[in-house]
Structures are given as C-alpha cells and as structure tokens.
Amino acid sequence: MLRVIKTAQRLGFTLDEVADLVEVGRHRHGRRDVGLQARAAAKLTEVETRIADLHRGDTP
C-alpha cells in the first residue's frame, strides 16, 4: 500500500487525493469506476499543464 501511495504522490496526487482514491478502490469490489477514471484523467491534464508551464518558464 505504501508503494501505491508514494507512486501516486510522485505523479502529483496530494495525500487527500490519494486517500480518496484508496477509499474508492476499497469499495469497488472489482467493478469499474468511471468517476475514478475521470479523476485520474483530470489529474493527468493538471500535470501536463504544469509540465507545459515549466517548459515555457511560467511558475504558479
């Protein structure tokens, strides 16, 4: 479990977001969770935007 948490943090998820993802994962029972996929896609977009900003020299 710690490896999953650390990997999620390296990908840009906050601890609160990781906790939410873990909680959703516990209640899925093998079912696909579209909401979970949407949250991961939103985080990916956020990370890609931050990378683009860094390439342009922008800082938040």
C-alpha atoms as a PDB file:
ATOM      1  CA  MET A   1       0.000   0.000   0.000  1.00  0.00           C
ATOM      2  CA  LEU A   2       2.832   2.400   0.796  1.00  0.00           C
ATOM      3  CA  ARG A   3       4.271   1.886  -2.676  1.00  0.00           C
ATOM      4  CA  VAL A   4       0.919   2.869  -4.225  1.00  0.00           C
ATOM      5  CA  ILE A   5       0.750   5.996  -2.069  1.00  0.00           C
ATOM      6  CA  LYS A   6       4.304   7.074  -2.878  1.00  0.00           C
ATOM      7  CA  THR A   7       3.780   6.452  -6.592  1.00  0.00           C
ATOM      8  CA  ALA A   8       0.585   8.497  -6.583  1.00  0.00           C
ATOM      9  CA  GLN A   9       2.404  11.331  -4.805  1.00  0.00           C
ATOM     10  CA  ARG A  10       5.191  11.260  -7.397  1.00  0.00           C
ATOM     11  CA  LEU A  11       2.516  11.543 -10.071  1.00  0.00           C
ATOM     12  CA  GLY A  12       1.239  14.720  -8.425  1.00  0.00           C
ATOM     13  CA  PHE A  13      -1.630  13.486  -6.291  1.00  0.00           C
ATOM     14  CA  THR A  14      -1.976  15.119  -2.869  1.00  0.00           C
ATOM     15  CA  LEU A  15      -2.334  12.941   0.214  1.00  0.00           C
ATOM     16  CA  ASP A  16      -6.032  13.861   0.393  1.00  0.00           C
ATOM     17  CA  GLU A  17      -6.492  12.801  -3.235  1.00  0.00           C
ATOM     18  CA  VAL A  18      -4.617   9.546  -2.599  1.00  0.00           C
ATOM     19  CA  ALA A  19      -6.820   8.854   0.424  1.00  0.00           C
ATOM     20  CA  ASP A  20      -9.923   9.404  -1.712  1.00  0.00           C
ATOM     21  CA  LEU A  21      -8.611   7.093  -4.436  1.00  0.00           C
ATOM     22  CA  VAL A  22      -7.772   4.371  -1.915  1.00  0.00           C
ATOM     23  CA  GLU A  23     -11.214   4.691  -0.336  1.00  0.00           C
ATOM     24  CA  VAL A  24     -12.930   4.405  -3.720  1.00  0.00           C
ATOM     25  CA  GLY A  25     -10.744   1.409  -4.544  1.00  0.00           C
ATOM     26  CA  ARG A  26     -11.785  -0.370  -1.368  1.00  0.00           C
ATOM     27  CA  HIS A  27     -15.467  -0.079  -2.188  1.00  0.00           C
ATOM     28  CA  ARG A  28     -15.286  -1.035  -5.874  1.00  0.00           C
ATOM     29  CA  HIS A  29     -15.216  -4.810  -5.357  1.00  0.00           C
ATOM     30  CA  GLY A  30     -13.877  -5.418  -8.867  1.00  0.00           C
ATOM     31  CA  ARG A  31     -16.269  -3.055 -10.605  1.00  0.00           C
ATOM     32  CA  ARG A  32     -15.044  -0.390 -12.973  1.00  0.00           C
ATOM     33  CA  ASP A  33     -15.362   3.118 -11.516  1.00  0.00           C
ATOM     34  CA  VAL A  34     -15.912   5.781 -14.169  1.00  0.00           C
ATOM     35  CA  GLY A  35     -15.599   8.518 -11.523  1.00  0.00           C
ATOM     36  CA  LEU A  36     -12.175   7.225 -10.548  1.00  0.00           C
ATOM     37  CA  GLN A  37     -11.079   7.225 -14.177  1.00  0.00           C
ATOM     38  CA  ALA A  38     -12.359  10.791 -14.597  1.00  0.00           C
ATOM     39  CA  ARG A  39     -10.411  11.950 -11.525  1.00  0.00           C
ATOM     40  CA  ALA A  40      -7.238  10.312 -12.817  1.00  0.00           C
ATOM     41  CA  ALA A  41      -7.751  11.911 -16.252  1.00  0.00           C
ATOM     42  CA  ALA A  42      -8.245  15.322 -14.625  1.00  0.00           C
ATOM     43  CA  LYS A  43      -5.019  14.872 -12.650  1.00  0.00           C
ATOM     44  CA  LEU A  44      -3.188  13.898 -15.828  1.00  0.00           C
ATOM     45  CA  THR A  45      -4.403  17.081 -17.509  1.00  0.00           C
ATOM     46  CA  GLU A  46      -3.272  19.116 -14.492  1.00  0.00           C
ATOM     47  CA  VAL A  47       0.194  17.535 -14.541  1.00  0.00           C
ATOM     48  CA  GLU A  48       0.535  18.037 -18.299  1.00  0.00           C
ATOM     49  CA  THR A  49      -0.384  21.710 -17.875  1.00  0.00           C
ATOM     50  CA  ARG A  50       2.242  22.122 -15.156  1.00  0.00           C
ATOM     51  CA  ILE A  51       4.859  20.480 -17.389  1.00  0.00           C
ATOM     52  CA  ALA A  52       3.963  22.805 -20.268  1.00  0.00           C
ATOM     53  CA  ASP A  53       4.225  25.805 -17.914  1.00  0.00           C
ATOM     54  CA  LEU A  54       7.664  24.661 -16.801  1.00  0.00           C
ATOM     55  CA  HIS A  55       8.807  24.339 -20.408  1.00  0.00           C
ATOM     56  CA  ARG A  56       7.651  27.916 -21.070  1.00  0.00           C
ATOM     57  CA  GLY A  57       9.291  29.157 -17.866  1.00  0.00           C
ATOM     58  CA  ASP A  58       5.976  30.024 -16.202  1.00  0.00           C
ATOM     59  CA  THR A  59       5.655  29.411 -12.488  1.00  0.00           C
ATOM     60  CA  PRO A  60       2.428  29.420 -10.488  1.00  0.00           C
END
